[in-house]
Amino acid sequence: MASKGDSGLLVQSAAEIEEGASRGALRVKRVFTAGDVPFASTFHFFLSNRLPAGGKNERHIHEDVEKVYYFTKGSGEVSCGDDTARVTAGDFMFFPAAIEHEILADEDGDLEFIVCAAQTLEGANG
């Protein structure tokens, strides 16, 4: 269970979060979501994800959410719009808002990654 100190810091034990199903074969632990923070923020969610070996999530789009992924285990292939890239543990990847994307884990092992997402701001970055 997440706990909050007087400073507003949130602490969540990964061991206490139940893994659930998401798009396609994707398994997700929802670490934090927008409703967890007691202040105004563009923060949207923070996830710990796992794609089983050979699995993929469904191609999808977030119209107003941009994300940073950090791959912690395994390797795979990521498609974002018309581009495709190989990823492996230790890689970071930025996903802009309003672009289709999907991830495929290699056959030889699970692909694990964390996702930090923020709501876009109208007119941000130009």
C-alpha atoms as a PDB file:
ATOM      1  CA  MET A   1       0.000   0.000   0.000  1.00  0.00           C
ATOM      2  CA  ALA A   2       1.299   3.453  -0.875  1.00  0.00           C
ATOM      3  CA  SER A   3       2.113   5.646   2.074  1.00  0.00           C
ATOM      4  CA  LYS A   4       2.444   9.397   2.127  1.00  0.00           C
ATOM      5  CA  GLY A   5       4.562  11.348   4.561  1.00  0.00           C
ATOM      6  CA  ASP A   6       3.906  14.908   5.696  1.00  0.00           C
ATOM      7  CA  SER A   7       6.057  16.194   2.815  1.00  0.00           C
ATOM      8  CA  GLY A   8       3.758  14.659   0.195  1.00  0.00           C
ATOM      9  CA  LEU A   9       6.285  11.949  -0.727  1.00  0.00           C
ATOM     10  CA  LEU A  10       4.662   8.722  -1.884  1.00  0.00           C
ATOM     11  CA  VAL A  11       6.320   5.369  -1.201  1.00  0.00           C
ATOM     12  CA  GLN A  12       5.100   2.159  -2.833  1.00  0.00           C
ATOM     13  CA  SER A  13       6.573  -1.329  -2.436  1.00  0.00           C
ATOM     14  CA  ALA A  14       6.694  -3.185  -5.777  1.00  0.00           C
ATOM     15  CA  ALA A  15       6.143  -6.458  -3.904  1.00  0.00           C
ATOM     16  CA  GLU A  16       2.729  -5.211  -2.742  1.00  0.00           C
ATOM     17  CA  ILE A  17       1.420  -4.363  -6.226  1.00  0.00           C
ATOM     18  CA  GLU A  18      -0.572  -7.053  -7.991  1.00  0.00           C
ATOM     19  CA  GLU A  19       0.273  -7.649 -11.641  1.00  0.00           C
ATOM     20  CA  GLY A  20      -2.720  -7.347 -13.956  1.00  0.00           C
ATOM     21  CA  ALA A  21      -3.546  -7.828 -17.613  1.00  0.00           C
ATOM     22  CA  SER A  22      -3.424  -4.962 -20.080  1.00  0.00           C
ATOM     23  CA  ARG A  23      -3.291  -4.627 -23.890  1.00  0.00           C
ATOM     24  CA  GLY A  24      -2.424  -7.899 -25.653  1.00  0.00           C
ATOM     25  CA  ALA A  25       0.064 -10.014 -23.688  1.00  0.00           C
ATOM     26  CA  LEU A  26       1.210  -7.041 -21.589  1.00  0.00           C
ATOM     27  CA  ARG A  27       1.270  -7.521 -17.801  1.00  0.00           C
ATOM     28  CA  VAL A  28       1.196  -4.328 -15.705  1.00  0.00           C
ATOM     29  CA  LYS A  29       1.803  -3.181 -12.161  1.00  0.00           C
ATOM     30  CA  ARG A  30       0.201   0.261 -11.712  1.00  0.00           C
ATOM     31  CA  VAL A  31       2.666   1.904  -9.333  1.00  0.00           C
ATOM     32  CA  PHE A  32       1.226   5.432  -9.291  1.00  0.00           C
ATOM     33  CA  THR A  33      -1.630   7.137 -11.136  1.00  0.00           C
ATOM     34  CA  ALA A  34      -2.692  10.765 -11.378  1.00  0.00           C
ATOM     35  CA  GLY A  35      -5.185  10.441  -8.517  1.00  0.00           C
ATOM     36  CA  ASP A  36      -2.404   9.419  -6.106  1.00  0.00           C
ATOM     37  CA  VAL A  37      -0.799  12.857  -5.971  1.00  0.00           C
ATOM     38  CA  PRO A  38      -2.492  15.489  -3.791  1.00  0.00           C
ATOM     39  CA  PHE A  39      -1.353  18.473  -5.880  1.00  0.00           C
ATOM     40  CA  ALA A  40      -1.707  19.913  -9.387  1.00  0.00           C
ATOM     41  CA  SER A  41       0.519  18.038 -11.805  1.00  0.00           C
ATOM     42  CA  THR A  42       0.772  16.893 -15.419  1.00  0.00           C
ATOM     43  CA  PHE A  43       1.805  13.482 -14.057  1.00  0.00           C
ATOM     44  CA  HIS A  44      -0.440  10.754 -15.488  1.00  0.00           C
ATOM     45  CA  PHE A  45       0.926   7.336 -14.436  1.00  0.00           C
ATOM     46  CA  PHE A  46       3.976   5.242 -13.588  1.00  0.00           C
ATOM     47  CA  LEU A  47       3.913   1.557 -14.506  1.00  0.00           C
ATOM     48  CA  SER A  48       6.108  -1.500 -14.148  1.00  0.00           C
ATOM     49  CA  ASN A  49       5.451  -3.631 -17.260  1.00  0.00           C
ATOM     50  CA  ARG A  50       6.324  -7.139 -18.396  1.00  0.00           C
ATOM     51  CA  LEU A  51       5.845  -8.702 -21.815  1.00  0.00           C
ATOM     52  CA  PRO A  52       6.285 -12.495 -21.706  1.00  0.00           C
ATOM     53  CA  ALA A  53       8.787 -13.967 -24.176  1.00  0.00           C
ATOM     54  CA  GLY A  54       7.407 -13.622 -27.712  1.00  0.00           C
ATOM     55  CA  GLY A  55       4.462 -11.520 -26.516  1.00  0.00           C
ATOM     56  CA  LYS A  56       3.343  -8.124 -27.738  1.00  0.00           C
ATOM     57  CA  ASN A  57       0.943  -5.433 -26.659  1.00  0.00           C
ATOM     58  CA  GLU A  58      -1.773  -4.145 -28.963  1.00  0.00           C
ATOM     59  CA  ARG A  59      -0.878  -1.224 -31.227  1.00  0.00           C
ATOM     60  CA  HIS A  60      -2.486   1.809 -29.617  1.00  0.00           C
ATOM     61  CA  ILE A  61      -2.339   5.581 -29.273  1.00  0.00           C
ATOM     62  CA  HIS A  62      -2.558   8.098 -26.420  1.00  0.00           C
ATOM     63  CA  GLU A  63      -3.780  11.391 -27.857  1.00  0.00           C
ATOM     64  CA  ASP A  64      -2.629  13.564 -24.944  1.00  0.00           C
ATOM     65  CA  VAL A  65      -0.027  11.508 -23.040  1.00  0.00           C
ATOM     66  CA  GLU A  66       3.732  11.439 -23.642  1.00  0.00           C
ATOM     67  CA  LYS A  67       5.877   8.740 -22.050  1.00  0.00           C
ATOM     68  CA  VAL A  68       9.419   7.728 -21.216  1.00  0.00           C
ATOM     69  CA  TYR A  69      10.198   3.993 -21.119  1.00  0.00           C
ATOM     70  CA  TYR A  70      13.202   2.447 -19.375  1.00  0.00           C
ATOM     71  CA  PHE A  71      13.900  -1.173 -20.305  1.00  0.00           C
ATOM     72  CA  THR A  72      15.199  -3.134 -17.313  1.00  0.00           C
ATOM     73  CA  LYS A  73      15.344  -6.734 -18.595  1.00  0.00           C
ATOM     74  CA  GLY A  74      15.330  -8.581 -21.909  1.00  0.00           C
ATOM     75  CA  SER A  75      15.163  -7.271 -25.449  1.00  0.00           C
ATOM     76  CA  GLY A  76      12.619  -6.646 -28.163  1.00  0.00           C
ATOM     77  CA  GLU A  77      11.350  -4.413 -30.922  1.00  0.00           C
ATOM     78  CA  VAL A  78       9.365  -1.196 -30.618  1.00  0.00           C
ATOM     79  CA  SER A  79       7.280   0.344 -33.384  1.00  0.00           C
ATOM     80  CA  CYS A  80       6.350   4.003 -33.034  1.00  0.00           C
ATOM     81  CA  GLY A  81       4.513   5.508 -36.005  1.00  0.00           C
ATOM     82  CA  ASP A  82       6.423   4.397 -39.121  1.00  0.00           C
ATOM     83  CA  ASP A  83       9.676   3.788 -37.205  1.00  0.00           C
ATOM     84  CA  THR A  84      10.908   0.556 -35.610  1.00  0.00           C
ATOM     85  CA  ALA A  85      13.816   0.201 -33.169  1.00  0.00           C
ATOM     86  CA  ARG A  86      15.517  -2.610 -31.269  1.00  0.00           C
ATOM     87  CA  VAL A  87      15.653  -2.176 -27.499  1.00  0.00           C
ATOM     88  CA  THR A  88      17.487  -3.991 -24.734  1.00  0.00           C
ATOM     89  CA  ALA A  89      17.918  -3.678 -20.974  1.00  0.00           C
ATOM     90  CA  GLY A  90      19.451  -0.297 -20.158  1.00  0.00           C
ATOM     91  CA  ASP A  91      17.772   1.584 -23.015  1.00  0.00           C
ATOM     92  CA  PHE A  92      15.506   4.602 -22.582  1.00  0.00           C
ATOM     93  CA  MET A  93      12.863   5.527 -25.157  1.00  0.00           C
ATOM     94  CA  PHE A  94      10.630   8.598 -25.487  1.00  0.00           C
ATOM     95  CA  PHE A  95       7.128   8.229 -26.953  1.00  0.00           C
ATOM     96  CA  PRO A  96       5.497  11.473 -28.085  1.00  0.00           C
ATOM     97  CA  ALA A  97       1.753  11.916 -27.693  1.00  0.00           C
ATOM     98  CA  ALA A  98      -0.670  11.117 -30.515  1.00  0.00           C
ATOM     99  CA  ILE A  99       1.428   8.445 -32.242  1.00  0.00           C
ATOM    100  CA  GLU A 100       0.604   4.745 -32.579  1.00  0.00           C
ATOM    101  CA  HIS A 101       3.000   2.341 -30.911  1.00  0.00           C
ATOM    102  CA  GLU A 102       3.466  -1.308 -29.944  1.00  0.00           C
ATOM    103  CA  ILE A 103       6.164  -3.454 -28.341  1.00  0.00           C
ATOM    104  CA  LEU A 104       7.221  -7.037 -29.080  1.00  0.00           C
ATOM    105  CA  ALA A 105       9.376  -9.107 -26.697  1.00  0.00           C
ATOM    106  CA  ASP A 106      12.031 -11.375 -28.204  1.00  0.00           C
ATOM    107  CA  GLU A 107      11.351 -15.125 -28.014  1.00  0.00           C
ATOM    108  CA  ASP A 108      14.261 -15.827 -25.644  1.00  0.00           C
ATOM    109  CA  GLY A 109      12.934 -14.051 -22.542  1.00  0.00           C
ATOM    110  CA  ASP A 110      10.542 -11.595 -20.938  1.00  0.00           C
ATOM    111  CA  LEU A 111      10.905  -7.888 -21.712  1.00  0.00           C
ATOM    112  CA  GLU A 112      10.502  -5.727 -18.611  1.00  0.00           C
ATOM    113  CA  PHE A 113      10.251  -1.939 -18.579  1.00  0.00           C
ATOM    114  CA  ILE A 114       9.013   0.972 -16.529  1.00  0.00           C
ATOM    115  CA  VAL A 115       6.867   3.752 -17.945  1.00  0.00           C
ATOM    116  CA  CYS A 116       6.555   7.318 -16.691  1.00  0.00           C
ATOM    117  CA  ALA A 117       3.798   9.320 -18.386  1.00  0.00           C
ATOM    118  CA  ALA A 118       2.673  12.931 -18.319  1.00  0.00           C
ATOM    119  CA  GLN A 119      -0.363  14.699 -19.703  1.00  0.00           C
ATOM    120  CA  THR A 120       0.606  17.025 -22.530  1.00  0.00           C
ATOM    121  CA  LEU A 121       0.104  20.742 -22.174  1.00  0.00           C
ATOM    122  CA  GLU A 122      -1.515  22.657 -24.997  1.00  0.00           C
ATOM    123  CA  GLY A 123       1.223  24.549 -26.771  1.00  0.00           C
ATOM    124  CA  ALA A 124       4.072  22.841 -24.882  1.00  0.00           C
ATOM    125  CA  ASN A 125       7.458  22.824 -26.659  1.00  0.00           C
ATOM    126  CA  GLY A 126       6.423  25.166 -29.358  1.00  0.00           C
END
